[in-house]
PDB file of N, CA and C in Angstrom:
ATOM      1  N   MET A   1       8.999   9.110  12.869  1.00  0.00           N
ATOM      2  CA  MET A   1       7.807   8.820  11.875  1.00  0.00           C
ATOM      3  C   MET A   1       6.525   9.839  12.913  1.00  0.00           C
ATOM      4  N   ASP A   2       6.153  10.618  12.422  1.00  0.00           N
ATOM      5  CA  ASP A   2       5.076  11.279  13.209  1.00  0.00           C
ATOM      6  C   ASP A   2       3.902  10.521  13.071  1.00  0.00           C
ATOM      7  N   GLN A   3       2.900  11.074  14.021  1.00  0.00           N
ATOM      8  CA  GLN A   3       1.515   9.811  14.007  1.00  0.00           C
ATOM      9  C   GLN A   3       0.984   9.811  12.940  1.00  0.00           C
ATOM     10  N   VAL A   4       0.797  11.382  12.201  1.00  0.00           N
ATOM     11  CA  VAL A   4       0.045  11.844  10.827  1.00  0.00           C
ATOM     12  C   VAL A   4       0.633  10.554  10.050  1.00  0.00           C
ATOM     13  N   THR A   5       1.821  10.366   9.804  1.00  0.00           N
ATOM     14  CA  THR A   5       2.287   9.663   8.889  1.00  0.00           C
ATOM     15  C   THR A   5       2.142   8.115   9.012  1.00  0.00           C
ATOM     16  N   LEU A   6       1.919   7.720  10.351  1.00  0.00           N
ATOM     17  CA  LEU A   6       1.941   6.173  10.934  1.00  0.00           C
ATOM     18  C   LEU A   6       0.548   6.050  10.651  1.00  0.00           C
ATOM     19  N   ILE A   7      -0.472   6.851  11.081  1.00  0.00           N
ATOM     20  CA  ILE A   7      -2.078   6.515  10.623  1.00  0.00           C
ATOM     21  C   ILE A   7      -2.147   6.626   8.919  1.00  0.00           C
ATOM     22  N   GLY A   8      -1.502   7.134   8.455  1.00  0.00           N
ATOM     23  CA  GLY A   8      -1.437   7.280   6.893  1.00  0.00           C
ATOM     24  C   GLY A   8      -1.048   5.701   6.594  1.00  0.00           C
ATOM     25  N   LEU A   9       0.021   5.616   7.108  1.00  0.00           N
ATOM     26  CA  LEU A   9       0.672   3.858   6.444  1.00  0.00           C
ATOM     27  C   LEU A   9      -0.268   2.890   6.864  1.00  0.00           C
ATOM     28  N   LEU A  10      -0.634   2.793   8.275  1.00  0.00           N
ATOM     29  CA  LEU A  10      -1.703   1.959   8.897  1.00  0.00           C
ATOM     30  C   LEU A  10      -3.027   2.052   7.785  1.00  0.00           C
ATOM     31  N   ALA A  11      -3.639   3.052   7.670  1.00  0.00           N
ATOM     32  CA  ALA A  11      -4.739   2.935   6.723  1.00  0.00           C
ATOM     33  C   ALA A  11      -4.416   2.442   5.145  1.00  0.00           C
ATOM     34  N   GLY A  12      -3.481   3.145   4.688  1.00  0.00           N
ATOM     35  CA  GLY A  12      -3.213   2.503   3.437  1.00  0.00           C
ATOM     36  C   GLY A  12      -2.886   1.030   3.300  1.00  0.00           C
ATOM     37  N   THR A  13      -1.988   0.413   4.630  1.00  0.00           N
ATOM     38  CA  THR A  13      -2.082  -1.055   4.687  1.00  0.00           C
ATOM     39  C   THR A  13      -3.124  -1.916   4.821  1.00  0.00           C
ATOM     40  N   LEU A  14      -4.218  -1.021   5.448  1.00  0.00           N
ATOM     41  CA  LEU A  14      -5.534  -2.034   5.655  1.00  0.00           C
ATOM     42  C   LEU A  14      -6.208  -2.137   4.200  1.00  0.00           C
ATOM     43  N   THR A  15      -6.222  -1.032   3.707  1.00  0.00           N
ATOM     44  CA  THR A  15      -7.271  -0.719   2.479  1.00  0.00           C
ATOM     45  C   THR A  15      -6.388  -1.684   1.417  1.00  0.00           C
ATOM     46  N   THR A  16      -5.067  -1.570   1.427  1.00  0.00           N
ATOM     47  CA  THR A  16      -4.581  -2.397   0.180  1.00  0.00           C
ATOM     48  C   THR A  16      -4.667  -3.533   0.315  1.00  0.00           C
ATOM     49  N   ILE A  17      -4.245  -4.418   1.900  1.00  0.00           N
ATOM     50  CA  ILE A  17      -4.129  -5.789   1.473  1.00  0.00           C
ATOM     51  C   ILE A  17      -5.978  -6.223   1.403  1.00  0.00           C
ATOM     52  N   ALA A  18      -6.659  -5.507   1.541  1.00  0.00           N
ATOM     53  CA  ALA A  18      -8.342  -6.159   1.313  1.00  0.00           C
ATOM     54  C   ALA A  18      -8.309  -6.593  -0.113  1.00  0.00           C
ATOM     55  N   PHE A  19      -7.407  -6.295  -0.874  1.00  0.00           N
ATOM     56  CA  PHE A  19      -7.618  -7.150  -2.181  1.00  0.00           C
ATOM     57  C   PHE A  19      -6.804  -8.404  -2.179  1.00  0.00           C
ATOM     58  N   ILE A  20      -6.281  -8.652  -1.545  1.00  0.00           N
ATOM     59  CA  ILE A  20      -5.556  -9.707  -1.326  1.00  0.00           C
ATOM     60  C   ILE A  20      -6.619 -10.979  -1.386  1.00  0.00           C
ATOM     61  N   PRO A  21      -7.317 -11.188  -1.075  1.00  0.00           N
ATOM     62  CA  PRO A  21      -8.311 -12.345  -1.002  1.00  0.00           C
ATOM     63  C   PRO A  21      -8.890 -12.191  -2.258  1.00  0.00           C
ATOM     64  N   GLN A  22      -9.295 -11.578  -2.649  1.00  0.00           N
ATOM     65  CA  GLN A  22      -9.829 -11.115  -4.100  1.00  0.00           C
ATOM     66  C   GLN A  22      -8.724 -11.959  -4.931  1.00  0.00           C
ATOM     67  N   LEU A  23      -7.425 -11.373  -5.008  1.00  0.00           N
ATOM     68  CA  LEU A  23      -6.568 -12.131  -5.960  1.00  0.00           C
ATOM     69  C   LEU A  23      -6.467 -13.348  -5.755  1.00  0.00           C
ATOM     70  N   GLN A  24      -6.167 -13.953  -4.664  1.00  0.00           N
ATOM     71  CA  GLN A  24      -6.317 -15.129  -4.171  1.00  0.00           C
ATOM     72  C   GLN A  24      -7.231 -15.994  -4.659  1.00  0.00           C
ATOM     73  N   GLN A  25      -8.419 -15.658  -4.526  1.00  0.00           N
ATOM     74  CA  GLN A  25      -9.779 -16.067  -4.740  1.00  0.00           C
ATOM     75  C   GLN A  25      -9.989 -16.126  -6.253  1.00  0.00           C
ATOM     76  N   THR A  26      -9.336 -15.031  -7.147  1.00  0.00           N
ATOM     77  CA  THR A  26      -9.614 -15.325  -8.544  1.00  0.00           C
ATOM     78  C   THR A  26      -8.416 -16.315  -9.263  1.00  0.00           C
ATOM     79  N   TRP A  27      -7.677 -16.202  -8.454  1.00  0.00           N
ATOM     80  CA  TRP A  27      -6.483 -16.919  -9.008  1.00  0.00           C
ATOM     81  C   TRP A  27      -6.546 -18.570  -8.783  1.00  0.00           C
ATOM     82  N   ARG A  28      -7.333 -18.879  -7.715  1.00  0.00           N
ATOM     83  CA  ARG A  28      -7.287 -20.154  -6.927  1.00  0.00           C
ATOM     84  C   ARG A  28      -8.419 -20.796  -8.534  1.00  0.00           C
ATOM     85  N   THR A  29      -9.855 -20.127  -8.082  1.00  0.00           N
ATOM     86  CA  THR A  29     -10.671 -20.596  -8.900  1.00  0.00           C
ATOM     87  C   THR A  29     -10.588 -20.350 -10.391  1.00  0.00           C
ATOM     88  N   ARG A  30      -9.717 -19.727 -11.051  1.00  0.00           N
ATOM     89  CA  ARG A  30      -9.378 -19.198 -12.403  1.00  0.00           C
ATOM     90  C   ARG A  30     -10.611 -18.607 -12.808  1.00  0.00           C
ATOM     91  N   SER A  31     -11.621 -17.989 -11.947  1.00  0.00           N
ATOM     92  CA  SER A  31     -12.535 -17.295 -12.352  1.00  0.00           C
ATOM     93  C   SER A  31     -12.495 -15.907 -12.010  1.00  0.00           C
ATOM     94  N   ALA A  32     -13.185 -15.140 -12.545  1.00  0.00           N
ATOM     95  CA  ALA A  32     -13.355 -13.487 -11.865  1.00  0.00           C
ATOM     96  C   ALA A  32     -14.869 -13.130 -12.410  1.00  0.00           C
ATOM     97  N   GLN A  33     -15.671 -13.846 -12.747  1.00  0.00           N
ATOM     98  CA  GLN A  33     -16.970 -13.644 -13.315  1.00  0.00           C
ATOM     99  C   GLN A  33     -17.706 -12.483 -12.505  1.00  0.00           C
ATOM    100  N   ASP A  34     -17.584 -12.963 -11.038  1.00  0.00           N
ATOM    101  CA  ASP A  34     -18.495 -11.991 -10.061  1.00  0.00           C
ATOM    102  C   ASP A  34     -17.624 -10.844  -9.974  1.00  0.00           C
ATOM    103  N   VAL A  35     -16.524 -10.440 -10.475  1.00  0.00           N
ATOM    104  CA  VAL A  35     -15.867  -9.171 -10.278  1.00  0.00           C
ATOM    105  C   VAL A  35     -16.246  -8.110 -11.638  1.00  0.00           C
ATOM    106  N   SER A  36     -16.762  -7.049 -11.121  1.00  0.00           N
ATOM    107  CA  SER A  36     -17.146  -5.917 -12.201  1.00  0.00           C
ATOM    108  C   SER A  36     -16.101  -5.490 -12.943  1.00  0.00           C
ATOM    109  N   LEU A  37     -16.279  -5.788 -14.121  1.00  0.00           N
ATOM    110  CA  LEU A  37     -14.885  -5.164 -15.042  1.00  0.00           C
ATOM    111  C   LEU A  37     -15.121  -3.501 -15.085  1.00  0.00           C
ATOM    112  N   GLY A  38     -16.413  -3.236 -15.238  1.00  0.00           N
ATOM    113  CA  GLY A  38     -16.337  -1.523 -14.756  1.00  0.00           C
ATOM    114  C   GLY A  38     -15.990  -1.204 -13.740  1.00  0.00           C
ATOM    115  N   MET A  39     -16.323  -1.701 -12.563  1.00  0.00           N
ATOM    116  CA  MET A  39     -15.674  -1.251 -11.243  1.00  0.00           C
ATOM    117  C   MET A  39     -14.029  -1.467 -11.443  1.00  0.00           C
ATOM    118  N   LEU A  40     -13.534  -2.684 -11.580  1.00  0.00           N
ATOM    119  CA  LEU A  40     -11.754  -2.748 -11.838  1.00  0.00           C
ATOM    120  C   LEU A  40     -11.441  -1.460 -12.506  1.00  0.00           C
ATOM    121  N   LEU A  41     -11.824  -1.230 -13.763  1.00  0.00           N
ATOM    122  CA  LEU A  41     -11.598  -0.222 -14.256  1.00  0.00           C
ATOM    123  C   LEU A  41     -11.524   1.094 -14.068  1.00  0.00           C
ATOM    124  N   THR A  42     -12.569   1.571 -13.200  1.00  0.00           N
ATOM    125  CA  THR A  42     -12.767   2.744 -12.434  1.00  0.00           C
ATOM    126  C   THR A  42     -11.697   2.668 -11.212  1.00  0.00           C
ATOM    127  N   PHE A  43     -11.723   1.553 -10.607  1.00  0.00           N
ATOM    128  CA  PHE A  43     -10.876   1.903  -9.703  1.00  0.00           C
ATOM    129  C   PHE A  43      -9.466   1.786  -9.968  1.00  0.00           C
ATOM    130  N   VAL A  44      -8.907   1.061 -10.825  1.00  0.00           N
ATOM    131  CA  VAL A  44      -7.349   1.518 -11.217  1.00  0.00           C
ATOM    132  C   VAL A  44      -6.995   2.627 -11.525  1.00  0.00           C
ATOM    133  N   THR A  45      -8.314   3.178 -12.441  1.00  0.00           N
ATOM    134  CA  THR A  45      -7.897   4.725 -12.760  1.00  0.00           C
ATOM    135  C   THR A  45      -7.783   5.830 -11.713  1.00  0.00           C
ATOM    136  N   GLY A  46      -8.765   5.618 -10.812  1.00  0.00           N
ATOM    137  CA  GLY A  46      -8.404   6.346  -9.407  1.00  0.00           C
ATOM    138  C   GLY A  46      -7.605   6.193  -8.614  1.00  0.00           C
ATOM    139  N   VAL A  47      -7.187   4.557  -8.489  1.00  0.00           N
ATOM    140  CA  VAL A  47      -6.151   4.318  -7.732  1.00  0.00           C
ATOM    141  C   VAL A  47      -4.515   5.280  -8.435  1.00  0.00           C
ATOM    142  N   PHE A  48      -4.441   5.483  -9.606  1.00  0.00           N
ATOM    143  CA  PHE A  48      -3.569   5.268 -10.671  1.00  0.00           C
ATOM    144  C   PHE A  48      -3.262   7.188 -10.392  1.00  0.00           C
ATOM    145  N   LEU A  49      -4.484   7.576 -10.237  1.00  0.00           N
ATOM    146  CA  LEU A  49      -4.316   9.250  -9.902  1.00  0.00           C
ATOM    147  C   LEU A  49      -4.223   9.487  -8.463  1.00  0.00           C
ATOM    148  N   TRP A  50      -4.461   8.541  -7.808  1.00  0.00           N
ATOM    149  CA  TRP A  50      -3.901   8.651  -6.255  1.00  0.00           C
ATOM    150  C   TRP A  50      -2.442   8.509  -6.235  1.00  0.00           C
ATOM    151  N   LEU A  51      -1.883   7.594  -6.907  1.00  0.00           N
ATOM    152  CA  LEU A  51      -0.544   7.434  -7.135  1.00  0.00           C
ATOM    153  C   LEU A  51       0.020   8.872  -7.454  1.00  0.00           C
ATOM    154  N   ILE A  52      -0.168   9.468  -8.183  1.00  0.00           N
ATOM    155  CA  ILE A  52       0.244  10.507  -8.909  1.00  0.00           C
ATOM    156  C   ILE A  52       0.168  11.739  -8.246  1.00  0.00           C
ATOM    157  N   TYR A  53      -1.165  12.004  -7.467  1.00  0.00           N
ATOM    158  CA  TYR A  53      -1.175  12.946  -6.176  1.00  0.00           C
ATOM    159  C   TYR A  53      -0.536  12.900  -5.106  1.00  0.00           C
ATOM    160  N   GLY A  54       0.208  11.574  -4.534  1.00  0.00           N
ATOM    161  CA  GLY A  54       1.149  11.213  -3.673  1.00  0.00           C
ATOM    162  C   GLY A  54       2.377  11.628  -4.094  1.00  0.00           C
ATOM    163  N   LEU A  55       2.717  11.079  -5.535  1.00  0.00           N
ATOM    164  CA  LEU A  55       4.176  11.656  -6.014  1.00  0.00           C
ATOM    165  C   LEU A  55       4.335  13.142  -5.798  1.00  0.00           C
ATOM    166  N   MET A  56       3.102  13.866  -6.709  1.00  0.00           N
ATOM    167  CA  MET A  56       3.145  15.251  -6.527  1.00  0.00           C
ATOM    168  C   MET A  56       3.382  15.769  -5.212  1.00  0.00           C
ATOM    169  N   LEU A  57       2.773  15.389  -4.019  1.00  0.00           N
ATOM    170  CA  LEU A  57       2.844  15.656  -2.891  1.00  0.00           C
ATOM    171  C   LEU A  57       4.203  15.282  -2.172  1.00  0.00           C
ATOM    172  N   GLY A  58       4.821  14.455  -2.381  1.00  0.00           N
ATOM    173  CA  GLY A  58       5.827  13.348  -1.544  1.00  0.00           C
ATOM    174  C   GLY A  58       5.359  13.024  -0.490  1.00  0.00           C
ATOM    175  N   ALA A  59       4.213  12.420  -0.633  1.00  0.00           N
ATOM    176  CA  ALA A  59       3.234  11.925   0.736  1.00  0.00           C
ATOM    177  C   ALA A  59       3.310  10.147   0.620  1.00  0.00           C
ATOM    178  N   LEU A  60       4.684   9.745   1.311  1.00  0.00           N
ATOM    179  CA  LEU A  60       5.137   8.367   1.308  1.00  0.00           C
ATOM    180  C   LEU A  60       3.892   7.398   1.594  1.00  0.00           C
ATOM    181  N   PRO A  61       2.855   7.709   2.426  1.00  0.00           N
ATOM    182  CA  PRO A  61       1.699   6.645   2.620  1.00  0.00           C
ATOM    183  C   PRO A  61       0.692   6.683   1.840  1.00  0.00           C
ATOM    184  N   ILE A  62       0.476   7.828   1.106  1.00  0.00           N
ATOM    185  CA  ILE A  62       0.015   7.830  -0.427  1.00  0.00           C
ATOM    186  C   ILE A  62       0.364   6.754  -1.489  1.00  0.00           C
ATOM    187  N   ILE A  63       1.732   7.201  -1.513  1.00  0.00           N
ATOM    188  CA  ILE A  63       2.156   6.496  -2.655  1.00  0.00           C
ATOM    189  C   ILE A  63       2.696   4.700  -2.347  1.00  0.00           C
ATOM    190  N   LEU A  64       2.982   5.025  -1.090  1.00  0.00           N
ATOM    191  CA  LEU A  64       3.204   2.855  -1.204  1.00  0.00           C
ATOM    192  C   LEU A  64       1.528   2.458  -1.082  1.00  0.00           C
ATOM    193  N   ALA A  65       0.763   3.122  -0.532  1.00  0.00           N
ATOM    194  CA  ALA A  65      -0.497   2.333  -0.619  1.00  0.00           C
ATOM    195  C   ALA A  65      -1.279   2.427  -1.977  1.00  0.00           C
ATOM    196  N   ASN A  66      -0.992   3.169  -2.618  1.00  0.00           N
ATOM    197  CA  ASN A  66      -1.263   3.149  -4.213  1.00  0.00           C
ATOM    198  C   ASN A  66      -0.882   2.565  -5.238  1.00  0.00           C
ATOM    199  N   LEU A  67       0.607   2.538  -5.016  1.00  0.00           N
ATOM    200  CA  LEU A  67       1.507   1.786  -5.641  1.00  0.00           C
ATOM    201  C   LEU A  67       1.238   0.362  -5.272  1.00  0.00           C
ATOM    202  N   VAL A  68       1.149  -0.084  -4.047  1.00  0.00           N
ATOM    203  CA  VAL A  68       0.718  -1.741  -4.103  1.00  0.00           C
ATOM    204  C   VAL A  68      -0.674  -1.998  -4.690  1.00  0.00           C
ATOM    205  N   THR A  69      -1.789  -1.201  -3.921  1.00  0.00           N
ATOM    206  CA  THR A  69      -3.059  -1.185  -4.421  1.00  0.00           C
ATOM    207  C   THR A  69      -2.956  -1.632  -6.171  1.00  0.00           C
ATOM    208  N   LEU A  70      -2.210  -0.415  -6.774  1.00  0.00           N
ATOM    209  CA  LEU A  70      -2.342  -0.556  -8.436  1.00  0.00           C
ATOM    210  C   LEU A  70      -2.145  -1.919  -8.795  1.00  0.00           C
ATOM    211  N   VAL A  71      -0.872  -2.405  -8.508  1.00  0.00           N
ATOM    212  CA  VAL A  71      -0.353  -3.530  -8.331  1.00  0.00           C
ATOM    213  C   VAL A  71      -1.270  -4.754  -8.342  1.00  0.00           C
ATOM    214  N   LEU A  72      -1.599  -4.970  -7.030  1.00  0.00           N
ATOM    215  CA  LEU A  72      -2.615  -5.950  -6.907  1.00  0.00           C
ATOM    216  C   LEU A  72      -4.213  -5.897  -8.060  1.00  0.00           C
ATOM    217  N   THR A  73      -4.517  -4.594  -7.949  1.00  0.00           N
ATOM    218  CA  THR A  73      -6.047  -4.477  -8.747  1.00  0.00           C
ATOM    219  C   THR A  73      -5.685  -4.577 -10.582  1.00  0.00           C
ATOM    220  N   LEU A  74      -4.150  -4.043 -10.737  1.00  0.00           N
ATOM    221  CA  LEU A  74      -4.027  -4.739 -12.017  1.00  0.00           C
ATOM    222  C   LEU A  74      -4.005  -5.981 -12.195  1.00  0.00           C
ATOM    223  N   ALA A  75      -3.647  -6.966 -11.319  1.00  0.00           N
ATOM    224  CA  ALA A  75      -3.373  -8.418 -11.393  1.00  0.00           C
ATOM    225  C   ALA A  75      -4.445  -8.939 -11.364  1.00  0.00           C
ATOM    226  N   ILE A  76      -5.655  -8.463 -10.761  1.00  0.00           N
ATOM    227  CA  ILE A  76      -7.131  -8.929 -10.723  1.00  0.00           C
ATOM    228  C   ILE A  76      -7.518  -8.577 -12.159  1.00  0.00           C
ATOM    229  N   LEU A  77      -7.417  -7.413 -12.797  1.00  0.00           N
ATOM    230  CA  LEU A  77      -8.112  -6.940 -13.813  1.00  0.00           C
ATOM    231  C   LEU A  77      -7.448  -7.976 -15.166  1.00  0.00           C
ATOM    232  N   ILE A  78      -6.030  -8.320 -15.029  1.00  0.00           N
ATOM    233  CA  ILE A  78      -5.344  -8.903 -15.857  1.00  0.00           C
ATOM    234  C   ILE A  78      -5.997 -10.285 -15.906  1.00  0.00           C
ATOM    235  N   LEU A  79      -6.367 -10.905 -14.855  1.00  0.00           N
ATOM    236  CA  LEU A  79      -7.045 -12.155 -14.646  1.00  0.00           C
ATOM    237  C   LEU A  79      -8.443 -12.367 -14.985  1.00  0.00           C
ATOM    238  N   LYS A  80      -8.945 -10.985 -14.668  1.00  0.00           N
ATOM    239  CA  LYS A  80     -10.279 -11.116 -15.254  1.00  0.00           C
ATOM    240  C   LYS A  80     -10.383 -11.148 -16.720  1.00  0.00           C
ATOM    241  N   LEU A  81      -9.573 -10.469 -17.298  1.00  0.00           N
ATOM    242  CA  LEU A  81      -9.839 -10.228 -18.921  1.00  0.00           C
ATOM    243  C   LEU A  81      -9.127 -11.723 -19.127  1.00  0.00           C
ATOM    244  N   ARG A  82      -8.258 -12.433 -18.487  1.00  0.00           N
ATOM    245  CA  ARG A  82      -7.680 -13.855 -19.205  1.00  0.00           C
ATOM    246  C   ARG A  82      -8.710 -14.453 -18.930  1.00  0.00           C
ATOM    247  N   TYR A  83      -9.580 -14.659 -17.998  1.00  0.00           N
ATOM    248  CA  TYR A  83     -10.527 -15.590 -17.665  1.00  0.00           C
ATOM    249  C   TYR A  83     -11.962 -15.716 -17.842  1.00  0.00           C
ATOM    250  N   ARG A  84     -12.076 -14.607 -19.279  1.00  0.00           N
ATOM    251  CA  ARG A  84     -12.925 -14.356 -19.412  1.00  0.00           C
ATOM    252  C   ARG A  84     -13.865 -15.326 -20.350  1.00  0.00           C
ATOM    253  N   SER A  85     -15.041 -15.675 -20.171  1.00  0.00           N
ATOM    254  CA  SER A  85     -15.743 -16.775 -20.794  1.00  0.00           C
ATOM    255  C   SER A  85     -16.494 -16.497 -22.148  1.00  0.00           C
TER     256      SER A  85
END
């Protein structure tokens, strides 16, 4: 594995795991009131497009990072909609 791919995988891992605490908090408190629906919708759309871009390039770091990030942010979005007051 070359250095560029390794840096891409590390960057993708760090930016992806950043969503785990938010998902845990939302799940634990059963509240996503402080999470912006507009931000989530925009972010999910952007991550989906990054995933498509990565697939088109065949770039493993982009594909993996955005696939996992998409799953995590979709989970937060679903919880946001489920726990709406």
